[in-house]
């Protein structure tokens, strides 16, 4: 069975992208938790999130990353239009 390496790369890249999103959701919450060496943990997570983002870009490729950015831009523009209308 030969498998599809592009499909595996896409799944791996999207899975790692989900982990990156979890990193950035967790970062604002961490200062309110009672954990030892909070500064070190937050710094390591921020740097790790950035490095993981670069890895995701390398795995998915520039074209797919451009599609993700375009989708995010559309969502942001939709939210801004909704905010300006006062909804």
PDB file of N, CA and C in Angstrom:
ATOM      1  N   UNK A   1       0.844  -1.173   0.000  1.00  0.00           N
ATOM      2  CA  UNK A   1       0.000   0.000   0.000  1.00  0.00           C
ATOM      3  C   UNK A   1       0.891   1.238   0.000  1.00  0.00           C
ATOM      4  N   UNK A   2       0.743   2.104  -1.000  1.00  0.00           N
ATOM      5  CA  UNK A   2       1.648   3.247  -1.148  1.00  0.00           C
ATOM      6  C   UNK A   2       1.282   4.410  -0.239  1.00  0.00           C
ATOM      7  N   UNK A   3       0.025   4.656   0.016  1.00  0.00           N
ATOM      8  CA  UNK A   3      -0.370   5.786   0.854  1.00  0.00           C
ATOM      9  C   UNK A   3      -0.208   7.098   0.111  1.00  0.00           C
ATOM     10  N   UNK A   4      -0.708   8.151   0.730  1.00  0.00           N
ATOM     11  CA  UNK A   4      -0.625   9.469   0.127  1.00  0.00           C
ATOM     12  C   UNK A   4       0.174  10.376   1.049  1.00  0.00           C
ATOM     13  N   UNK A   5       1.459  10.635   0.731  1.00  0.00           N
ATOM     14  CA  UNK A   5       2.272  11.446   1.630  1.00  0.00           C
ATOM     15  C   UNK A   5       1.776  12.885   1.741  1.00  0.00           C
ATOM     16  N   UNK A   6       1.177  13.421   0.686  1.00  0.00           N
ATOM     17  CA  UNK A   6       0.657  14.776   0.756  1.00  0.00           C
ATOM     18  C   UNK A   6      -0.510  14.846   1.731  1.00  0.00           C
ATOM     19  N   UNK A   7      -1.348  13.822   1.742  1.00  0.00           N
ATOM     20  CA  UNK A   7      -2.459  13.779   2.685  1.00  0.00           C
ATOM     21  C   UNK A   7      -1.955  13.690   4.117  1.00  0.00           C
ATOM     22  N   UNK A   8      -0.904  12.916   4.340  1.00  0.00           N
ATOM     23  CA  UNK A   8      -0.331  12.812   5.677  1.00  0.00           C
ATOM     24  C   UNK A   8       0.269  14.147   6.104  1.00  0.00           C
ATOM     25  N   UNK A   9       0.970  14.817   5.193  1.00  0.00           N
ATOM     26  CA  UNK A   9       1.558  16.127   5.514  1.00  0.00           C
ATOM     27  C   UNK A   9       0.475  17.131   5.859  1.00  0.00           C
ATOM     28  N   UNK A  10      -0.618  17.095   5.123  1.00  0.00           N
ATOM     29  CA  UNK A  10      -1.715  18.027   5.380  1.00  0.00           C
ATOM     30  C   UNK A  10      -2.335  17.754   6.745  1.00  0.00           C
ATOM     31  N   UNK A  11      -2.566  16.487   7.065  1.00  0.00           N
ATOM     32  CA  UNK A  11      -3.140  16.129   8.364  1.00  0.00           C
ATOM     33  C   UNK A  11      -2.205  16.508   9.503  1.00  0.00           C
ATOM     34  N   UNK A  12      -0.917  16.234   9.329  1.00  0.00           N
ATOM     35  CA  UNK A  12       0.064  16.584  10.342  1.00  0.00           C
ATOM     36  C   UNK A  12       0.131  18.096  10.538  1.00  0.00           C
ATOM     37  N   UNK A  13       0.157  18.829   9.439  1.00  0.00           N
ATOM     38  CA  UNK A  13       0.226  20.286   9.515  1.00  0.00           C
ATOM     39  C   UNK A  13      -0.988  20.887  10.185  1.00  0.00           C
ATOM     40  N   UNK A  14      -2.174  20.401   9.845  1.00  0.00           N
ATOM     41  CA  UNK A  14      -3.393  20.924  10.464  1.00  0.00           C
ATOM     42  C   UNK A  14      -3.489  20.538  11.935  1.00  0.00           C
ATOM     43  N   UNK A  15      -3.012  19.348  12.280  1.00  0.00           N
ATOM     44  CA  UNK A  15      -2.991  18.942  13.683  1.00  0.00           C
ATOM     45  C   UNK A  15      -2.061  19.841  14.492  1.00  0.00           C
ATOM     46  N   UNK A  16      -0.889  20.119  13.943  1.00  0.00           N
ATOM     47  CA  UNK A  16       0.047  21.012  14.626  1.00  0.00           C
ATOM     48  C   UNK A  16      -0.491  22.435  14.687  1.00  0.00           C
ATOM     49  N   UNK A  17      -1.245  22.848  13.671  1.00  0.00           N
ATOM     50  CA  UNK A  17      -1.861  24.166  13.695  1.00  0.00           C
ATOM     51  C   UNK A  17      -2.876  24.267  14.830  1.00  0.00           C
ATOM     52  N   UNK A  18      -3.606  23.195  15.076  1.00  0.00           N
ATOM     53  CA  UNK A  18      -4.547  23.173  16.203  1.00  0.00           C
ATOM     54  C   UNK A  18      -3.797  23.306  17.527  1.00  0.00           C
ATOM     55  N   UNK A  19      -2.644  22.661  17.621  1.00  0.00           N
ATOM     56  CA  UNK A  19      -1.835  22.780  18.838  1.00  0.00           C
ATOM     57  C   UNK A  19      -1.351  24.219  19.011  1.00  0.00           C
ATOM     58  N   UNK A  20      -0.958  24.858  17.914  1.00  0.00           N
ATOM     59  CA  UNK A  20      -0.527  26.258  17.971  1.00  0.00           C
ATOM     60  C   UNK A  20      -1.663  27.139  18.476  1.00  0.00           C
ATOM     61  N   UNK A  21      -2.864  26.898  17.977  1.00  0.00           N
ATOM     62  CA  UNK A  21      -4.008  27.691  18.428  1.00  0.00           C
ATOM     63  C   UNK A  21      -4.264  27.490  19.917  1.00  0.00           C
ATOM     64  N   UNK A  22      -4.094  26.266  20.386  1.00  0.00           N
ATOM     65  CA  UNK A  22      -4.249  26.007  21.822  1.00  0.00           C
ATOM     66  C   UNK A  22      -3.191  26.747  22.631  1.00  0.00           C
ATOM     67  N   UNK A  23      -1.986  26.830  22.095  1.00  0.00           N
ATOM     68  CA  UNK A  23      -0.924  27.596  22.755  1.00  0.00           C
ATOM     69  C   UNK A  23      -1.380  29.029  22.969  1.00  0.00           C
ATOM     70  N   UNK A  24      -1.895  29.655  21.903  1.00  0.00           N
ATOM     71  CA  UNK A  24      -2.243  31.068  21.977  1.00  0.00           C
ATOM     72  C   UNK A  24      -3.525  31.302  22.763  1.00  0.00           C
ATOM     73  N   UNK A  25      -4.364  30.299  22.896  1.00  0.00           N
ATOM     74  CA  UNK A  25      -5.535  30.424  23.776  1.00  0.00           C
ATOM     75  C   UNK A  25      -5.094  30.312  25.230  1.00  0.00           C
ATOM     76  N   UNK A  26      -4.118  29.451  25.498  1.00  0.00           N
ATOM     77  CA  UNK A  26      -3.659  29.214  26.872  1.00  0.00           C
ATOM     78  C   UNK A  26      -2.810  30.359  27.415  1.00  0.00           C
ATOM     79  N   UNK A  27      -2.084  31.047  26.557  1.00  0.00           N
ATOM     80  CA  UNK A  27      -1.159  32.085  27.038  1.00  0.00           C
ATOM     81  C   UNK A  27      -1.828  33.174  27.874  1.00  0.00           C
ATOM     82  N   UNK A  28      -2.965  33.741  27.496  1.00  0.00           N
ATOM     83  CA  UNK A  28      -3.565  34.776  28.345  1.00  0.00           C
ATOM     84  C   UNK A  28      -4.163  34.227  29.642  1.00  0.00           C
ATOM     85  N   UNK A  29      -4.417  32.933  29.691  1.00  0.00           N
ATOM     86  CA  UNK A  29      -5.011  32.326  30.882  1.00  0.00           C
ATOM     87  C   UNK A  29      -3.947  31.985  31.928  1.00  0.00           C
ATOM     88  N   UNK A  30      -2.756  31.650  31.484  1.00  0.00           N
ATOM     89  CA  UNK A  30      -1.695  31.190  32.385  1.00  0.00           C
ATOM     90  C   UNK A  30      -1.336  32.159  33.514  1.00  0.00           C
ATOM     91  N   UNK A  31      -1.329  33.476  33.315  1.00  0.00           N
ATOM     92  CA  UNK A  31      -0.968  34.354  34.433  1.00  0.00           C
ATOM     93  C   UNK A  31      -1.908  34.248  35.630  1.00  0.00           C
ATOM     94  N   UNK A  32      -3.117  33.777  35.411  1.00  0.00           N
ATOM     95  CA  UNK A  32      -4.088  33.673  36.495  1.00  0.00           C
ATOM     96  C   UNK A  32      -4.045  32.337  37.219  1.00  0.00           C
ATOM     97  N   UNK A  33      -3.250  31.401  36.737  1.00  0.00           N
ATOM     98  CA  UNK A  33      -3.134  30.093  37.368  1.00  0.00           C
ATOM     99  C   UNK A  33      -2.018  30.103  38.406  1.00  0.00           C
ATOM    100  N   UNK A  34      -2.139  29.232  39.381  1.00  0.00           N
ATOM    101  CA  UNK A  34      -1.130  29.128  40.425  1.00  0.00           C
ATOM    102  C   UNK A  34      -0.149  28.013  40.052  1.00  0.00           C
ATOM    103  N   UNK A  35       0.850  28.372  39.251  1.00  0.00           N
ATOM    104  CA  UNK A  35       1.857  27.406  38.832  1.00  0.00           C
ATOM    105  C   UNK A  35       3.229  27.932  39.225  1.00  0.00           C
ATOM    106  N   UNK A  36       4.141  27.040  39.568  1.00  0.00           N
ATOM    107  CA  UNK A  36       5.489  27.501  39.923  1.00  0.00           C
ATOM    108  C   UNK A  36       6.246  27.975  38.678  1.00  0.00           C
ATOM    109  N   UNK A  37       7.097  28.945  38.864  1.00  0.00           N
ATOM    110  CA  UNK A  37       7.932  29.515  37.796  1.00  0.00           C
ATOM    111  C   UNK A  37       7.079  29.930  36.595  1.00  0.00           C
ATOM    112  N   UNK A  38       6.076  30.710  36.893  1.00  0.00           N
ATOM    113  CA  UNK A  38       5.100  31.140  35.888  1.00  0.00           C
ATOM    114  C   UNK A  38       5.757  31.882  34.722  1.00  0.00           C
ATOM    115  N   UNK A  39       6.712  32.740  35.028  1.00  0.00           N
ATOM    116  CA  UNK A  39       7.372  33.517  33.978  1.00  0.00           C
ATOM    117  C   UNK A  39       8.098  32.614  32.990  1.00  0.00           C
ATOM    118  N   UNK A  40       8.790  31.629  33.510  1.00  0.00           N
ATOM    119  CA  UNK A  40       9.522  30.697  32.659  1.00  0.00           C
ATOM    120  C   UNK A  40       8.564  29.890  31.782  1.00  0.00           C
ATOM    121  N   UNK A  41       7.484  29.416  32.369  1.00  0.00           N
ATOM    122  CA  UNK A  41       6.518  28.605  31.626  1.00  0.00           C
ATOM    123  C   UNK A  41       5.891  29.422  30.497  1.00  0.00           C
ATOM    124  N   UNK A  42       5.493  30.656  30.786  1.00  0.00           N
ATOM    125  CA  UNK A  42       4.865  31.496  29.765  1.00  0.00           C
ATOM    126  C   UNK A  42       5.859  31.829  28.659  1.00  0.00           C
ATOM    127  N   UNK A  43       7.091  32.130  29.027  1.00  0.00           N
ATOM    128  CA  UNK A  43       8.111  32.443  28.019  1.00  0.00           C
ATOM    129  C   UNK A  43       8.382  31.253  27.114  1.00  0.00           C
ATOM    130  N   UNK A  44       8.518  30.081  27.706  1.00  0.00           N
ATOM    131  CA  UNK A  44       8.785  28.872  26.918  1.00  0.00           C
ATOM    132  C   UNK A  44       7.604  28.568  25.997  1.00  0.00           C
ATOM    133  N   UNK A  45       6.379  28.744  26.486  1.00  0.00           N
ATOM    134  CA  UNK A  45       5.211  28.492  25.642  1.00  0.00           C
ATOM    135  C   UNK A  45       5.126  29.497  24.495  1.00  0.00           C
ATOM    136  N   UNK A  46       5.447  30.754  24.750  1.00  0.00           N
ATOM    137  CA  UNK A  46       5.396  31.754  23.682  1.00  0.00           C
ATOM    138  C   UNK A  46       6.430  31.450  22.602  1.00  0.00           C
ATOM    139  N   UNK A  47       7.647  31.141  23.009  1.00  0.00           N
ATOM    140  CA  UNK A  47       8.691  30.822  22.036  1.00  0.00           C
ATOM    141  C   UNK A  47       8.372  29.507  21.328  1.00  0.00           C
ATOM    142  N   UNK A  48       7.905  28.522  22.092  1.00  0.00           N
ATOM    143  CA  UNK A  48       7.531  27.241  21.487  1.00  0.00           C
ATOM    144  C   UNK A  48       6.398  27.391  20.489  1.00  0.00           C
ATOM    145  N   UNK A  49       5.432  28.255  20.793  1.00  0.00           N
ATOM    146  CA  UNK A  49       4.333  28.499  19.861  1.00  0.00           C
ATOM    147  C   UNK A  49       4.813  29.112  18.562  1.00  0.00           C
ATOM    148  N   UNK A  50       5.748  30.045  18.664  1.00  0.00           N
ATOM    149  CA  UNK A  50       6.302  30.656  17.456  1.00  0.00           C
ATOM    150  C   UNK A  50       7.081  29.638  16.619  1.00  0.00           C
ATOM    151  N   UNK A  51       7.884  28.827  17.272  1.00  0.00           N
ATOM    152  CA  UNK A  51       8.655  27.806  16.546  1.00  0.00           C
ATOM    153  C   UNK A  51       7.734  26.772  15.917  1.00  0.00           C
ATOM    154  N   UNK A  52       6.686  26.413  16.633  1.00  0.00           N
ATOM    155  CA  UNK A  52       5.726  25.455  16.094  1.00  0.00           C
ATOM    156  C   UNK A  52       4.980  26.049  14.898  1.00  0.00           C
ATOM    157  N   UNK A  53       4.705  27.346  14.943  1.00  0.00           N
ATOM    158  CA  UNK A  53       4.068  28.017  13.805  1.00  0.00           C
ATOM    159  C   UNK A  53       4.964  27.943  12.576  1.00  0.00           C
ATOM    160  N   UNK A  54       6.258  28.183  12.761  1.00  0.00           N
ATOM    161  CA  UNK A  54       7.190  28.074  11.637  1.00  0.00           C
ATOM    162  C   UNK A  54       7.239  26.653  11.091  1.00  0.00           C
ATOM    163  N   UNK A  55       7.174  25.668  11.977  1.00  0.00           N
ATOM    164  CA  UNK A  55       7.161  24.272  11.546  1.00  0.00           C
ATOM    165  C   UNK A  55       5.902  23.968  10.740  1.00  0.00           C
ATOM    166  N   UNK A  56       4.767  24.483  11.188  1.00  0.00           N
ATOM    167  CA  UNK A  56       3.511  24.271  10.461  1.00  0.00           C
ATOM    168  C   UNK A  56       3.591  24.886   9.070  1.00  0.00           C
ATOM    169  N   UNK A  57       4.156  26.094   8.975  1.00  0.00           N
ATOM    170  CA  UNK A  57       4.308  26.739   7.669  1.00  0.00           C
ATOM    171  C   UNK A  57       5.197  25.893   6.769  1.00  0.00           C
ATOM    172  N   UNK A  58       6.272  25.350   7.320  1.00  0.00           N
ATOM    173  CA  UNK A  58       7.182  24.519   6.531  1.00  0.00           C
ATOM    174  C   UNK A  58       6.501  23.234   6.074  1.00  0.00           C
ATOM    175  N   UNK A  59       5.684  22.644   6.926  1.00  0.00           N
ATOM    176  CA  UNK A  59       5.010  21.389   6.572  1.00  0.00           C
ATOM    177  C   UNK A  59       3.908  21.617   5.547  1.00  0.00           C
ATOM    178  N   UNK A  60       3.073  22.628   5.788  1.00  0.00           N
ATOM    179  CA  UNK A  60       1.929  22.844   4.901  1.00  0.00           C
ATOM    180  C   UNK A  60       2.322  23.474   3.578  1.00  0.00           C
ATOM    181  N   UNK A  61       3.360  24.250   3.570  1.00  0.00           N
ATOM    182  CA  UNK A  61       3.773  24.913   2.343  1.00  0.00           C
ATOM    183  C   UNK A  61       3.145  26.288   2.227  1.00  0.00           C
ATOM    184  N   UNK A  62       3.748  27.096   1.401  1.00  0.00           N
ATOM    185  CA  UNK A  62       3.353  28.485   1.265  1.00  0.00           C
ATOM    186  C   UNK A  62       1.940  28.638   0.690  1.00  0.00           C
ATOM    187  N   UNK A  63       1.557  27.804  -0.258  1.00  0.00           N
ATOM    188  CA  UNK A  63       0.255  27.938  -0.889  1.00  0.00           C
ATOM    189  C   UNK A  63      -0.868  27.665   0.099  1.00  0.00           C
ATOM    190  N   UNK A  64      -0.724  26.595   0.857  1.00  0.00           N
ATOM    191  CA  UNK A  64      -1.774  26.255   1.816  1.00  0.00           C
ATOM    192  C   UNK A  64      -1.831  27.285   2.928  1.00  0.00           C
ATOM    193  N   UNK A  65      -0.673  27.783   3.353  1.00  0.00           N
ATOM    194  CA  UNK A  65      -0.634  28.811   4.386  1.00  0.00           C
ATOM    195  C   UNK A  65      -1.323  30.080   3.899  1.00  0.00           C
ATOM    196  N   UNK A  66      -1.175  30.411   2.615  1.00  0.00           N
ATOM    197  CA  UNK A  66      -1.857  31.578   2.046  1.00  0.00           C
ATOM    198  C   UNK A  66      -3.372  31.391   2.096  1.00  0.00           C
ATOM    199  N   UNK A  67      -3.848  30.170   1.888  1.00  0.00           N
ATOM    200  CA  UNK A  67      -5.282  29.900   1.990  1.00  0.00           C
ATOM    201  C   UNK A  67      -5.775  30.105   3.414  1.00  0.00           C
ATOM    202  N   UNK A  68      -5.013  29.675   4.394  1.00  0.00           N
ATOM    203  CA  UNK A  68      -5.390  29.851   5.798  1.00  0.00           C
ATOM    204  C   UNK A  68      -5.432  31.341   6.143  1.00  0.00           C
ATOM    205  N   UNK A  69      -4.430  32.096   5.702  1.00  0.00           N
ATOM    206  CA  UNK A  69      -4.401  33.535   5.964  1.00  0.00           C
ATOM    207  C   UNK A  69      -5.584  34.232   5.308  1.00  0.00           C
ATOM    208  N   UNK A  70      -5.932  33.836   4.093  1.00  0.00           N
ATOM    209  CA  UNK A  70      -7.068  34.436   3.394  1.00  0.00           C
ATOM    210  C   UNK A  70      -8.364  34.160   4.154  1.00  0.00           C
ATOM    211  N   UNK A  71      -8.547  32.943   4.644  1.00  0.00           N
ATOM    212  CA  UNK A  71      -9.745  32.609   5.412  1.00  0.00           C
ATOM    213  C   UNK A  71      -9.814  33.454   6.685  1.00  0.00           C
ATOM    214  N   UNK A  72      -8.689  33.589   7.388  1.00  0.00           N
ATOM    215  CA  UNK A  72      -8.662  34.400   8.608  1.00  0.00           C
ATOM    216  C   UNK A  72      -8.958  35.863   8.296  1.00  0.00           C
ATOM    217  N   UNK A  73      -8.426  36.357   7.206  1.00  0.00           N
ATOM    218  CA  UNK A  73      -8.668  37.750   6.807  1.00  0.00           C
ATOM    219  C   UNK A  73     -10.148  37.966   6.519  1.00  0.00           C
ATOM    220  N   UNK A  74     -10.788  37.010   5.847  1.00  0.00           N
ATOM    221  CA  UNK A  74     -12.217  37.123   5.560  1.00  0.00           C
ATOM    222  C   UNK A  74     -13.033  37.136   6.849  1.00  0.00           C
ATOM    223  N   UNK A  75     -12.665  36.273   7.796  1.00  0.00           N
ATOM    224  CA  UNK A  75     -13.378  36.240   9.069  1.00  0.00           C
ATOM    225  C   UNK A  75     -13.228  37.547   9.832  1.00  0.00           C
ATOM    226  N   UNK A  76     -12.021  38.114   9.810  1.00  0.00           N
ATOM    227  CA  UNK A  76     -11.765  39.375  10.498  1.00  0.00           C
ATOM    228  C   UNK A  76     -12.564  40.507   9.850  1.00  0.00           C
ATOM    229  N   UNK A  77     -12.565  40.560   8.516  1.00  0.00           N
ATOM    230  CA  UNK A  77     -13.313  41.607   7.826  1.00  0.00           C
ATOM    231  C   UNK A  77     -14.800  41.485   8.092  1.00  0.00           C
ATOM    232  N   UNK A  78     -15.334  40.258   8.148  1.00  0.00           N
ATOM    233  CA  UNK A  78     -16.745  40.038   8.454  1.00  0.00           C
ATOM    234  C   UNK A  78     -17.060  40.550   9.859  1.00  0.00           C
ATOM    235  N   UNK A  79     -16.178  40.246  10.819  1.00  0.00           N
ATOM    236  CA  UNK A  79     -16.401  40.697  12.191  1.00  0.00           C
ATOM    237  C   UNK A  79     -16.331  42.213  12.295  1.00  0.00           C
ATOM    238  N   UNK A  80     -15.418  42.834  11.570  1.00  0.00           N
ATOM    239  CA  UNK A  80     -15.302  44.294  11.599  1.00  0.00           C
ATOM    240  C   UNK A  80     -16.530  44.957  10.985  1.00  0.00           C
ATOM    241  N   UNK A  81     -17.051  44.406   9.890  1.00  0.00           N
ATOM    242  CA  UNK A  81     -18.275  44.964   9.293  1.00  0.00           C
ATOM    243  C   UNK A  81     -19.434  44.846  10.267  1.00  0.00           C
ATOM    244  N   UNK A  82     -19.531  43.716  10.932  1.00  0.00           N
ATOM    245  CA  UNK A  82     -20.595  43.501  11.901  1.00  0.00           C
ATOM    246  C   UNK A  82     -20.455  44.461  13.079  1.00  0.00           C
ATOM    247  N   UNK A  83     -19.244  44.696  13.531  1.00  0.00           N
ATOM    248  CA  UNK A  83     -18.982  45.610  14.643  1.00  0.00           C
ATOM    249  C   UNK A  83     -19.331  47.041  14.260  1.00  0.00           C
ATOM    250  N   UNK A  84     -18.993  47.442  13.041  1.00  0.00           N
ATOM    251  CA  UNK A  84     -19.283  48.816  12.598  1.00  0.00           C
ATOM    252  C   UNK A  84     -20.775  49.069  12.463  1.00  0.00           C
ATOM    253  N   UNK A  85     -21.532  48.019  12.129  1.00  0.00           N
ATOM    254  CA  UNK A  85     -22.993  48.174  12.030  1.00  0.00           C
ATOM    255  C   UNK A  85     -23.641  48.198  13.397  1.00  0.00           C
ATOM    256  N   UNK A  86     -22.899  47.798  14.428  1.00  0.00           N
ATOM    257  CA  UNK A  86     -23.430  47.813  15.783  1.00  0.00           C
ATOM    258  C   UNK A  86     -24.265  46.606  16.138  1.00  0.00           C
ATOM    259  N   UNK A  87     -24.033  45.510  15.476  1.00  0.00           N
ATOM    260  CA  UNK A  87     -24.805  44.282  15.776  1.00  0.00           C
ATOM    261  C   UNK A  87     -24.262  43.565  16.964  1.00  0.00           C
TER     262      UNK A  87
END
